[in-house]
């Protein structure tokens, strides 16, 4: 079968233009042919095109704009994920947003780590064994802040994990999750500072590991990870935030709110 041509409105003596088929649409067999455009006319201000050098190809940005060569982004995320000391991990995650790093290498592969670096405390127990956290006392409010800090610490690990674990994805995936890791590190740092101001520290109360257990069950599929961790489990935590805020307001704890 010959190449289809477009004979519409063709000036006399000018050859017909070939028609180029697009890729076959998924789930269908219809082909719609588009005319290949003629060479665009030169801009009046640009002069003859033959006298101008070709424009260099512009690659999409792959990392921090104008950053000098440094560590590759996904490797830096894996290194931060492996740190056990909470403040050090938070600092390394926050640095992903400001350090001059090489852009992400989507094809890089890493060992399939099962657990991020974790401190000895808090002790991780079954969710039903986590102590109740009421807002009626100073210790209860501190325990509530500790629970939120633990969620933020897990959020740092989850964002870092999304950067290094899943290969073959667009650059924007890695850059966006690196930014999320830096933001979650800021949240954790604020809560850890407030706990210390109240005479406590991260690790003073038991916590559970439900978020990370779900992360491990979805570690082979980024789509399942996104559906079940950020959009389900973390979203449930957001749903109870207004109730927590009301309890803290009733207790007169405007700083915690």
Foldseek 3Di string as FASTA:
>chain_A
DDFDWDPPPDPPPDDTFTWDWDDADPPDDDTDTDTDDDDDDDDPVPPDPVPDDDDDDDDPDQAPPPFDEDAALLVLLLVLQQAADLLSSLVSLLCRVPHRYDGHDLPDADPPDQHGHHYPFDAADPPVPFDQQAQQDLVSVLSVLLQVLVVLSVLLNLLSLQQHQHGDDDSVSNVVSSVSNSVSSVVNVVSQVVSVVSVHGRRPGYHHDVLSVLCNVCSVPVVSNCCPRVVPVVVVVVVCVVVVVVSNVVNVNPVSD
